[in-house]
Amino acid sequence: MQIKFNRVGLGLAFAVLGLSGCSVAPLIGTSYGEPPPQVAFLGAKDVNGVEYLTWVRVSSFGPVPEALQAVGHLRCMKLGTSLRAVGYHPRALDLQGKPTPGGGFFCQPQPLESLQSSAPPRVVMRDGVQSWDRPGAFMPVPEGLQAAAARECRAQNPKFQPLGYHPKPLDAQGQPMKQVGFLCAE
């Protein structure tokens, strides 16, 4: 079953794409720090040699509020299916130094094992639209299901693409569904 995930207000999400040597993940604060984090080009490049955006002042991020966890995970997953929101700042700044509507999320890769052991996603209603309560519980779509996932997503909206898959999602009553679940978004 595919459930549409509501598009939400603009905001920024960027990932830590690589950490070298003995470095550890950036420390996310227990509250939102000042000055707020800002998006910037710092000369980092992906495997294709393309420079990508990242955050400066990562330590200014605080925890992701529970009410924004689903939105944050979805935004991060759009950058990469293993990414999840681990930090949030309500006044994160864009490239021009202006506050971003909806704030910004800091994304980090999560091990596949932790996604498989998380509680299954459940169908919920959000703003009158069926959705999933835990998009962060979805894993990458297996190669053998990619065509089916694409069909399911496009059947609901031609612009939708599959972002994730879960083998045992729950229906709105919390009961296991008979089919797999797909997470779809624009």
N, C-alpha and C. Protein backbone atom coordinates (compact mmCIF):
# COMPACT_ATOMS: atom_id res chain seq x y z
N MET A 1 0.84 -1.18 0.00
CA MET A 1 0.00 0.00 0.00
C MET A 1 0.88 1.23 0.00
N GLN A 2 0.48 2.20 -0.75
CA GLN A 2 1.22 3.46 -0.82
C GLN A 2 0.37 4.51 -0.15
N ILE A 3 0.97 5.34 0.65
CA ILE A 3 0.28 6.43 1.31
C ILE A 3 0.95 7.72 0.91
N LYS A 4 0.15 8.68 0.52
CA LYS A 4 0.68 9.98 0.16
C LYS A 4 1.17 10.68 1.42
N PHE A 5 2.30 11.33 1.33
CA PHE A 5 2.79 12.12 2.45
C PHE A 5 2.60 13.57 2.09
N ASN A 6 1.84 14.29 2.89
CA ASN A 6 1.57 15.69 2.66
C ASN A 6 2.83 16.49 2.38
N ARG A 7 2.79 17.34 1.36
CA ARG A 7 3.90 18.27 1.18
C ARG A 7 3.76 19.31 2.28
N VAL A 8 4.88 19.73 2.82
CA VAL A 8 4.85 20.69 3.91
C VAL A 8 5.62 21.92 3.49
N GLY A 9 5.57 22.95 4.34
CA GLY A 9 6.25 24.20 4.04
C GLY A 9 7.72 24.01 3.74
N LEU A 10 8.29 25.00 3.11
CA LEU A 10 9.70 24.95 2.76
C LEU A 10 10.58 24.88 3.98
N GLY A 11 11.70 24.37 3.81
CA GLY A 11 12.70 24.26 4.86
C GLY A 11 13.92 23.63 4.24
N LEU A 12 14.99 23.59 4.96
CA LEU A 12 16.22 23.04 4.42
C LEU A 12 16.65 21.82 5.19
N ALA A 13 17.22 20.90 4.47
CA ALA A 13 17.79 19.71 5.08
C ALA A 13 19.05 19.37 4.30
N PHE A 14 20.14 19.21 4.99
CA PHE A 14 21.39 18.83 4.36
C PHE A 14 22.05 17.77 5.21
N ALA A 15 22.86 16.98 4.57
CA ALA A 15 23.45 15.82 5.22
C ALA A 15 24.93 15.96 5.44
N VAL A 16 25.40 15.19 6.40
CA VAL A 16 26.83 14.99 6.56
C VAL A 16 27.13 13.82 5.64
N LEU A 17 27.82 14.06 4.53
CA LEU A 17 28.04 13.01 3.56
C LEU A 17 29.30 12.22 3.80
N GLY A 18 30.21 12.72 4.58
CA GLY A 18 31.40 11.95 4.84
C GLY A 18 32.16 12.50 6.02
N LEU A 19 32.64 11.62 6.84
CA LEU A 19 33.48 12.00 7.97
C LEU A 19 34.75 11.18 7.84
N SER A 20 35.88 11.79 8.01
CA SER A 20 37.12 11.06 7.77
C SER A 20 37.89 10.81 9.06
N GLY A 21 38.85 9.90 8.96
CA GLY A 21 39.74 9.62 10.07
C GLY A 21 38.98 9.17 11.30
N CYS A 22 39.36 9.75 12.42
CA CYS A 22 38.74 9.37 13.70
C CYS A 22 37.68 10.37 14.12
N SER A 23 37.22 11.18 13.20
CA SER A 23 36.23 12.19 13.58
C SER A 23 34.93 11.51 13.96
N VAL A 24 34.13 12.22 14.73
CA VAL A 24 32.85 11.71 15.16
C VAL A 24 31.76 12.61 14.61
N ALA A 25 30.52 12.16 14.72
CA ALA A 25 29.40 12.94 14.23
C ALA A 25 29.34 14.28 14.95
N PRO A 26 28.91 15.33 14.24
CA PRO A 26 28.79 16.64 14.88
C PRO A 26 27.87 16.58 16.08
N LEU A 27 28.19 17.35 17.09
CA LEU A 27 27.40 17.39 18.31
C LEU A 27 26.20 18.29 18.12
N ILE A 28 25.03 17.73 18.27
CA ILE A 28 23.78 18.48 18.20
C ILE A 28 23.46 18.90 19.62
N GLY A 29 23.14 20.18 19.80
CA GLY A 29 22.90 20.70 21.14
C GLY A 29 21.59 20.24 21.74
N THR A 30 21.40 20.57 23.01
CA THR A 30 20.16 20.24 23.71
C THR A 30 19.13 21.35 23.54
N SER A 31 19.57 22.49 22.98
CA SER A 31 18.68 23.61 22.67
C SER A 31 19.21 24.31 21.43
N TYR A 32 18.45 25.22 20.90
CA TYR A 32 18.83 25.93 19.68
C TYR A 32 19.83 27.03 20.03
N GLY A 33 21.00 26.95 19.39
CA GLY A 33 22.06 27.91 19.67
C GLY A 33 22.02 29.12 18.77
N GLU A 34 22.76 30.13 19.16
CA GLU A 34 22.92 31.35 18.38
C GLU A 34 24.40 31.58 18.14
N PRO A 35 24.79 32.08 17.01
CA PRO A 35 23.96 32.33 15.84
C PRO A 35 23.46 31.02 15.24
N PRO A 36 22.35 31.10 14.47
CA PRO A 36 21.78 29.88 13.90
C PRO A 36 22.68 29.30 12.81
N PRO A 37 22.48 28.01 12.50
CA PRO A 37 23.25 27.39 11.43
C PRO A 37 22.88 28.03 10.09
N GLN A 38 23.84 27.98 9.15
CA GLN A 38 23.61 28.56 7.83
C GLN A 38 24.12 27.61 6.75
N VAL A 39 23.40 27.55 5.65
CA VAL A 39 23.80 26.75 4.50
C VAL A 39 24.96 27.45 3.80
N ALA A 40 25.94 26.65 3.36
CA ALA A 40 27.10 27.24 2.69
C ALA A 40 27.78 26.20 1.79
N PHE A 41 28.50 26.70 0.80
CA PHE A 41 29.40 25.86 0.02
C PHE A 41 30.74 25.93 0.73
N LEU A 42 31.27 24.78 1.15
CA LEU A 42 32.54 24.76 1.86
C LEU A 42 33.63 24.04 1.07
N GLY A 43 33.35 23.78 -0.20
CA GLY A 43 34.33 23.12 -1.04
C GLY A 43 34.25 21.61 -1.03
N ALA A 44 33.35 21.05 -0.26
CA ALA A 44 33.18 19.59 -0.24
C ALA A 44 32.55 19.14 -1.56
N LYS A 45 32.98 17.98 -2.06
CA LYS A 45 32.47 17.46 -3.33
C LYS A 45 31.99 16.03 -3.16
N ASP A 46 30.98 15.69 -3.95
CA ASP A 46 30.48 14.31 -3.93
C ASP A 46 31.37 13.42 -4.79
N VAL A 47 30.99 12.16 -4.95
CA VAL A 47 31.81 11.20 -5.69
C VAL A 47 31.96 11.57 -7.15
N ASN A 48 31.07 12.40 -7.67
CA ASN A 48 31.15 12.85 -9.06
C ASN A 48 31.90 14.16 -9.21
N GLY A 49 32.44 14.68 -8.10
CA GLY A 49 33.19 15.92 -8.16
C GLY A 49 32.34 17.17 -8.13
N VAL A 50 31.06 17.03 -7.83
CA VAL A 50 30.14 18.17 -7.78
C VAL A 50 30.13 18.73 -6.35
N GLU A 51 30.36 20.02 -6.24
CA GLU A 51 30.34 20.66 -4.93
C GLU A 51 28.91 20.65 -4.37
N TYR A 52 28.78 20.39 -3.08
CA TYR A 52 27.45 20.36 -2.48
C TYR A 52 27.38 21.30 -1.28
N LEU A 53 26.13 21.65 -0.95
CA LEU A 53 25.86 22.51 0.20
C LEU A 53 25.97 21.73 1.49
N THR A 54 26.31 22.42 2.54
CA THR A 54 26.34 21.82 3.87
C THR A 54 26.02 22.91 4.89
N TRP A 55 26.02 22.59 6.13
CA TRP A 55 25.72 23.55 7.19
C TRP A 55 27.00 24.02 7.86
N VAL A 56 27.04 25.28 8.24
CA VAL A 56 28.06 25.79 9.15
C VAL A 56 27.36 26.04 10.49
N ARG A 57 28.11 25.95 11.58
CA ARG A 57 27.58 26.08 12.94
C ARG A 57 26.59 24.95 13.28
N VAL A 58 26.99 23.72 12.98
CA VAL A 58 26.15 22.56 13.26
C VAL A 58 25.79 22.47 14.73
N SER A 59 26.69 22.90 15.60
CA SER A 59 26.41 22.81 17.04
C SER A 59 25.25 23.71 17.46
N SER A 60 24.80 24.60 16.58
CA SER A 60 23.63 25.44 16.89
C SER A 60 22.32 24.69 16.72
N PHE A 61 22.36 23.53 16.06
CA PHE A 61 21.14 22.73 15.94
C PHE A 61 20.77 22.17 17.30
N GLY A 62 19.47 22.08 17.54
CA GLY A 62 18.96 21.44 18.73
C GLY A 62 18.23 20.18 18.33
N PRO A 63 17.56 19.55 19.27
CA PRO A 63 16.82 18.33 18.95
C PRO A 63 15.65 18.61 18.01
N VAL A 64 15.26 17.59 17.27
CA VAL A 64 14.09 17.70 16.38
C VAL A 64 12.85 17.55 17.26
N PRO A 65 11.96 18.56 17.27
CA PRO A 65 10.73 18.43 18.07
C PRO A 65 9.91 17.22 17.59
N GLU A 66 9.27 16.55 18.51
CA GLU A 66 8.49 15.36 18.16
C GLU A 66 7.48 15.66 17.05
N ALA A 67 6.85 16.83 17.10
CA ALA A 67 5.85 17.20 16.09
C ALA A 67 6.46 17.38 14.70
N LEU A 68 7.78 17.54 14.60
CA LEU A 68 8.43 17.75 13.30
C LEU A 68 9.28 16.56 12.86
N GLN A 69 9.30 15.49 13.64
CA GLN A 69 10.15 14.35 13.28
C GLN A 69 9.77 13.74 11.94
N ALA A 70 8.50 13.53 11.69
CA ALA A 70 8.09 12.93 10.42
C ALA A 70 8.48 13.83 9.25
N VAL A 71 8.25 15.13 9.38
CA VAL A 71 8.62 16.08 8.32
C VAL A 71 10.13 16.08 8.11
N GLY A 72 10.88 16.10 9.20
CA GLY A 72 12.33 16.11 9.10
C GLY A 72 12.88 14.86 8.45
N HIS A 73 12.38 13.70 8.86
CA HIS A 73 12.84 12.44 8.26
C HIS A 73 12.53 12.43 6.76
N LEU A 74 11.34 12.87 6.39
CA LEU A 74 10.96 12.87 4.98
C LEU A 74 11.88 13.78 4.18
N ARG A 75 12.15 14.98 4.69
CA ARG A 75 13.05 15.90 3.97
C ARG A 75 14.44 15.29 3.81
N CYS A 76 14.93 14.65 4.84
CA CYS A 76 16.25 14.03 4.77
C CYS A 76 16.25 12.86 3.80
N MET A 77 15.19 12.05 3.83
CA MET A 77 15.12 10.90 2.95
C MET A 77 15.09 11.29 1.48
N LYS A 78 14.61 12.49 1.19
CA LYS A 78 14.64 12.97 -0.19
C LYS A 78 16.07 13.17 -0.68
N LEU A 79 17.00 13.36 0.24
CA LEU A 79 18.41 13.51 -0.11
C LEU A 79 19.10 12.16 -0.22
N GLY A 80 18.60 11.18 0.51
CA GLY A 80 19.17 9.83 0.51
C GLY A 80 18.34 8.96 1.43
N THR A 81 17.97 7.76 0.99
CA THR A 81 17.03 6.94 1.75
C THR A 81 17.53 6.52 3.13
N SER A 82 18.83 6.56 3.37
CA SER A 82 19.32 6.17 4.70
C SER A 82 19.45 7.37 5.64
N LEU A 83 19.16 8.58 5.16
CA LEU A 83 19.32 9.78 5.98
C LEU A 83 18.10 10.04 6.85
N ARG A 84 18.34 10.48 8.08
CA ARG A 84 17.27 10.85 9.01
C ARG A 84 17.63 12.16 9.68
N ALA A 85 16.59 12.90 10.08
CA ALA A 85 16.79 14.17 10.77
C ALA A 85 17.26 13.93 12.19
N VAL A 86 18.41 14.48 12.54
CA VAL A 86 18.93 14.34 13.90
C VAL A 86 19.06 15.69 14.60
N GLY A 87 18.84 16.77 13.86
CA GLY A 87 18.90 18.11 14.44
C GLY A 87 17.95 19.04 13.73
N TYR A 88 17.55 20.10 14.43
CA TYR A 88 16.61 21.09 13.87
C TYR A 88 16.93 22.45 14.45
N HIS A 89 16.73 23.48 13.65
CA HIS A 89 16.83 24.86 14.14
C HIS A 89 15.71 25.67 13.48
N PRO A 90 14.85 26.32 14.27
CA PRO A 90 13.70 27.04 13.70
C PRO A 90 14.09 28.29 12.90
N ARG A 91 15.31 28.80 13.12
CA ARG A 91 15.73 30.03 12.42
C ARG A 91 16.97 29.78 11.56
N ALA A 92 17.11 28.56 11.04
CA ALA A 92 18.25 28.24 10.18
C ALA A 92 18.28 29.21 9.00
N LEU A 93 19.47 29.53 8.53
CA LEU A 93 19.66 30.54 7.49
C LEU A 93 19.98 29.91 6.14
N ASP A 94 19.51 30.57 5.07
CA ASP A 94 19.81 30.09 3.72
C ASP A 94 21.16 30.65 3.25
N LEU A 95 21.49 30.45 1.99
CA LEU A 95 22.77 30.91 1.45
C LEU A 95 22.96 32.42 1.57
N GLN A 96 21.87 33.18 1.50
CA GLN A 96 21.94 34.63 1.59
C GLN A 96 21.88 35.15 3.02
N GLY A 97 21.82 34.23 4.00
CA GLY A 97 21.76 34.63 5.39
C GLY A 97 20.38 34.99 5.88
N LYS A 98 19.35 34.62 5.13
CA LYS A 98 17.97 34.90 5.52
C LYS A 98 17.35 33.66 6.15
N PRO A 99 16.46 33.85 7.15
CA PRO A 99 15.81 32.69 7.78
C PRO A 99 15.01 31.87 6.76
N THR A 100 15.08 30.55 6.89
CA THR A 100 14.34 29.67 5.99
C THR A 100 12.95 29.40 6.56
N PRO A 101 11.92 29.52 5.74
CA PRO A 101 10.57 29.18 6.22
C PRO A 101 10.54 27.73 6.68
N GLY A 102 10.05 27.50 7.87
CA GLY A 102 9.97 26.14 8.38
C GLY A 102 11.22 25.65 9.08
N GLY A 103 12.28 26.44 9.10
CA GLY A 103 13.51 26.03 9.77
C GLY A 103 14.33 25.08 8.93
N GLY A 104 15.39 24.54 9.54
CA GLY A 104 16.28 23.63 8.83
C GLY A 104 16.55 22.38 9.63
N PHE A 105 16.79 21.28 8.93
CA PHE A 105 17.07 19.99 9.53
C PHE A 105 18.50 19.56 9.22
N PHE A 106 19.15 18.95 10.19
CA PHE A 106 20.46 18.37 9.98
C PHE A 106 20.26 16.87 9.84
N CYS A 107 20.79 16.30 8.75
CA CYS A 107 20.57 14.89 8.43
C CYS A 107 21.85 14.08 8.59
N GLN A 108 21.69 12.86 9.04
CA GLN A 108 22.81 11.92 9.13
C GLN A 108 22.35 10.54 8.70
N PRO A 109 23.27 9.77 8.11
CA PRO A 109 22.92 8.39 7.74
C PRO A 109 22.66 7.55 8.98
N GLN A 110 21.70 6.66 8.84
CA GLN A 110 21.38 5.72 9.92
C GLN A 110 21.68 4.32 9.41
N PRO A 111 22.24 3.46 10.24
CA PRO A 111 22.52 2.08 9.81
C PRO A 111 21.23 1.35 9.46
N LEU A 112 21.28 0.56 8.41
CA LEU A 112 20.12 -0.19 7.96
C LEU A 112 19.56 -1.07 9.08
N GLU A 113 20.43 -1.61 9.91
CA GLU A 113 19.97 -2.48 11.00
C GLU A 113 19.04 -1.72 11.95
N SER A 114 19.33 -0.45 12.22
CA SER A 114 18.48 0.31 13.14
C SER A 114 17.13 0.62 12.50
N LEU A 115 17.08 0.75 11.18
CA LEU A 115 15.81 0.99 10.51
C LEU A 115 14.95 -0.28 10.55
N GLN A 116 15.58 -1.43 10.36
CA GLN A 116 14.85 -2.69 10.36
C GLN A 116 14.29 -3.02 11.74
N SER A 117 14.95 -2.58 12.79
CA SER A 117 14.49 -2.91 14.14
C SER A 117 13.53 -1.88 14.71
N SER A 118 13.28 -0.80 13.97
CA SER A 118 12.38 0.23 14.50
C SER A 118 10.92 -0.22 14.38
N ALA A 119 10.05 0.43 15.13
CA ALA A 119 8.62 0.10 15.09
C ALA A 119 8.08 0.34 13.69
N PRO A 120 7.18 -0.50 13.21
CA PRO A 120 6.65 -0.32 11.85
C PRO A 120 5.82 0.96 11.73
N PRO A 121 5.79 1.53 10.53
CA PRO A 121 4.98 2.73 10.33
C PRO A 121 3.49 2.38 10.33
N ARG A 122 2.69 3.34 10.74
CA ARG A 122 1.24 3.14 10.84
C ARG A 122 0.53 4.21 10.03
N VAL A 123 -0.57 3.85 9.40
CA VAL A 123 -1.38 4.80 8.64
C VAL A 123 -2.05 5.76 9.62
N VAL A 124 -1.94 7.06 9.35
CA VAL A 124 -2.59 8.09 10.17
C VAL A 124 -3.20 9.13 9.24
N MET A 125 -4.06 9.95 9.79
CA MET A 125 -4.63 11.08 9.05
C MET A 125 -3.93 12.35 9.51
N ARG A 126 -3.40 13.13 8.57
CA ARG A 126 -2.78 14.42 8.86
C ARG A 126 -3.38 15.44 7.93
N ASP A 127 -3.98 16.46 8.50
CA ASP A 127 -4.60 17.52 7.71
C ASP A 127 -5.56 16.95 6.66
N GLY A 128 -6.31 15.91 7.04
CA GLY A 128 -7.29 15.32 6.15
C GLY A 128 -6.71 14.42 5.06
N VAL A 129 -5.44 14.09 5.15
CA VAL A 129 -4.78 13.26 4.14
C VAL A 129 -4.18 12.04 4.83
N GLN A 130 -4.35 10.86 4.23
CA GLN A 130 -3.70 9.67 4.77
C GLN A 130 -2.21 9.80 4.64
N SER A 131 -1.51 9.38 5.67
CA SER A 131 -0.06 9.50 5.70
C SER A 131 0.50 8.37 6.54
N TRP A 132 1.81 8.37 6.76
CA TRP A 132 2.47 7.43 7.66
C TRP A 132 2.93 8.19 8.89
N ASP A 133 2.83 7.56 10.06
CA ASP A 133 3.25 8.25 11.29
C ASP A 133 4.77 8.27 11.46
N ARG A 134 5.49 7.30 10.91
CA ARG A 134 6.94 7.21 11.09
C ARG A 134 7.64 6.98 9.75
N PRO A 135 7.77 8.02 8.92
CA PRO A 135 8.47 7.81 7.65
C PRO A 135 9.91 7.37 7.86
N GLY A 136 10.49 7.69 9.02
CA GLY A 136 11.85 7.28 9.30
C GLY A 136 12.02 5.78 9.46
N ALA A 137 10.93 5.02 9.58
CA ALA A 137 11.00 3.57 9.72
C ALA A 137 11.14 2.87 8.36
N PHE A 138 10.97 3.61 7.28
CA PHE A 138 11.07 3.01 5.95
C PHE A 138 12.53 2.78 5.57
N MET A 139 12.74 1.72 4.81
CA MET A 139 14.07 1.36 4.32
C MET A 139 14.11 1.61 2.82
N PRO A 140 15.29 1.53 2.21
CA PRO A 140 15.36 1.66 0.76
C PRO A 140 14.49 0.59 0.08
N VAL A 141 13.88 0.96 -1.05
CA VAL A 141 13.05 0.02 -1.80
C VAL A 141 13.96 -1.05 -2.42
N PRO A 142 13.68 -2.34 -2.15
CA PRO A 142 14.49 -3.40 -2.75
C PRO A 142 14.40 -3.35 -4.28
N GLU A 143 15.47 -3.73 -4.93
CA GLU A 143 15.52 -3.68 -6.40
C GLU A 143 14.34 -4.39 -7.04
N GLY A 144 13.96 -5.54 -6.51
CA GLY A 144 12.86 -6.32 -7.07
C GLY A 144 11.49 -5.68 -6.90
N LEU A 145 11.38 -4.65 -6.07
CA LEU A 145 10.09 -3.97 -5.85
C LEU A 145 10.06 -2.55 -6.41
N GLN A 146 11.14 -2.11 -7.03
CA GLN A 146 11.20 -0.72 -7.49
C GLN A 146 10.14 -0.39 -8.54
N ALA A 147 9.90 -1.29 -9.49
CA ALA A 147 8.88 -1.03 -10.52
C ALA A 147 7.49 -0.95 -9.89
N ALA A 148 7.18 -1.88 -8.98
CA ALA A 148 5.87 -1.87 -8.31
C ALA A 148 5.71 -0.61 -7.47
N ALA A 149 6.77 -0.22 -6.77
CA ALA A 149 6.71 0.99 -5.95
C ALA A 149 6.46 2.22 -6.82
N ALA A 150 7.15 2.30 -7.94
CA ALA A 150 6.96 3.45 -8.85
C ALA A 150 5.52 3.49 -9.36
N ARG A 151 4.96 2.33 -9.73
CA ARG A 151 3.56 2.29 -10.20
C ARG A 151 2.61 2.75 -9.11
N GLU A 152 2.80 2.23 -7.89
CA GLU A 152 1.93 2.60 -6.77
C GLU A 152 1.97 4.10 -6.51
N CYS A 153 3.17 4.65 -6.51
CA CYS A 153 3.31 6.08 -6.22
C CYS A 153 2.70 6.94 -7.33
N ARG A 154 2.99 6.60 -8.57
CA ARG A 154 2.45 7.39 -9.69
C ARG A 154 0.95 7.26 -9.84
N ALA A 155 0.38 6.15 -9.35
CA ALA A 155 -1.07 5.98 -9.41
C ALA A 155 -1.77 7.02 -8.55
N GLN A 156 -1.10 7.45 -7.51
CA GLN A 156 -1.71 8.45 -6.66
C GLN A 156 -1.43 9.87 -7.15
N ASN A 157 -0.22 10.07 -7.65
CA ASN A 157 0.17 11.39 -8.16
C ASN A 157 1.30 11.17 -9.16
N PRO A 158 1.12 11.63 -10.41
CA PRO A 158 2.16 11.40 -11.42
C PRO A 158 3.53 11.96 -11.05
N LYS A 159 3.58 12.89 -10.11
CA LYS A 159 4.85 13.49 -9.71
C LYS A 159 5.53 12.72 -8.57
N PHE A 160 4.83 11.78 -7.96
CA PHE A 160 5.37 11.05 -6.82
C PHE A 160 6.42 10.03 -7.25
N GLN A 161 7.44 9.89 -6.41
CA GLN A 161 8.49 8.89 -6.55
C GLN A 161 8.57 8.10 -5.25
N PRO A 162 8.92 6.82 -5.33
CA PRO A 162 9.07 6.05 -4.09
C PRO A 162 10.35 6.44 -3.35
N LEU A 163 10.21 6.70 -2.05
CA LEU A 163 11.35 7.02 -1.20
C LEU A 163 11.73 5.87 -0.30
N GLY A 164 10.75 5.03 0.04
CA GLY A 164 11.04 3.97 0.98
C GLY A 164 10.03 2.84 0.91
N TYR A 165 10.37 1.80 1.65
CA TYR A 165 9.58 0.56 1.66
C TYR A 165 9.58 0.00 3.09
N HIS A 166 8.47 -0.61 3.46
CA HIS A 166 8.43 -1.33 4.73
C HIS A 166 7.68 -2.64 4.50
N PRO A 167 8.26 -3.77 4.96
CA PRO A 167 7.62 -5.07 4.70
C PRO A 167 6.39 -5.35 5.55
N LYS A 168 6.24 -4.69 6.69
CA LYS A 168 5.13 -5.01 7.60
C LYS A 168 4.52 -3.74 8.20
N PRO A 169 3.95 -2.85 7.38
CA PRO A 169 3.33 -1.65 7.94
C PRO A 169 2.03 -1.99 8.66
N LEU A 170 1.55 -1.02 9.43
CA LEU A 170 0.31 -1.20 10.19
C LEU A 170 -0.79 -0.33 9.59
N ASP A 171 -2.03 -0.83 9.65
CA ASP A 171 -3.15 -0.03 9.18
C ASP A 171 -3.53 1.00 10.26
N ALA A 172 -4.58 1.76 10.02
CA ALA A 172 -4.98 2.83 10.93
C ALA A 172 -5.40 2.29 12.30
N GLN A 173 -5.80 1.02 12.38
CA GLN A 173 -6.18 0.42 13.66
C GLN A 173 -4.99 -0.23 14.36
N GLY A 174 -3.81 -0.13 13.77
CA GLY A 174 -2.61 -0.71 14.37
C GLY A 174 -2.42 -2.18 14.06
N GLN A 175 -3.19 -2.71 13.12
CA GLN A 175 -3.09 -4.11 12.74
C GLN A 175 -2.14 -4.27 11.54
N PRO A 176 -1.41 -5.39 11.47
CA PRO A 176 -0.51 -5.60 10.33
C PRO A 176 -1.28 -5.63 9.01
N MET A 177 -0.73 -4.96 8.00
CA MET A 177 -1.34 -4.95 6.68
C MET A 177 -0.90 -6.21 5.92
N LYS A 178 -1.70 -6.63 4.96
CA LYS A 178 -1.39 -7.82 4.19
C LYS A 178 -0.36 -7.56 3.09
N GLN A 179 -0.17 -6.30 2.73
CA GLN A 179 0.79 -5.96 1.69
C GLN A 179 1.89 -5.06 2.26
N VAL A 180 2.95 -4.90 1.48
CA VAL A 180 4.04 -4.02 1.90
C VAL A 180 3.59 -2.56 1.79
N GLY A 181 4.35 -1.67 2.39
CA GLY A 181 4.03 -0.24 2.33
C GLY A 181 5.14 0.52 1.62
N PHE A 182 4.74 1.53 0.85
CA PHE A 182 5.70 2.40 0.17
C PHE A 182 5.51 3.83 0.65
N LEU A 183 6.60 4.51 0.84
CA LEU A 183 6.60 5.93 1.17
C LEU A 183 6.86 6.69 -0.11
N CYS A 184 5.95 7.58 -0.48
CA CYS A 184 6.06 8.31 -1.74
C CYS A 184 6.02 9.82 -1.49
N ALA A 185 6.74 10.55 -2.29
CA ALA A 185 6.75 12.00 -2.19
C ALA A 185 7.22 12.60 -3.50
N GLU A 186 6.97 13.89 -3.65
CA GLU A 186 7.46 14.60 -4.84
C GLU A 186 8.94 14.82 -4.75
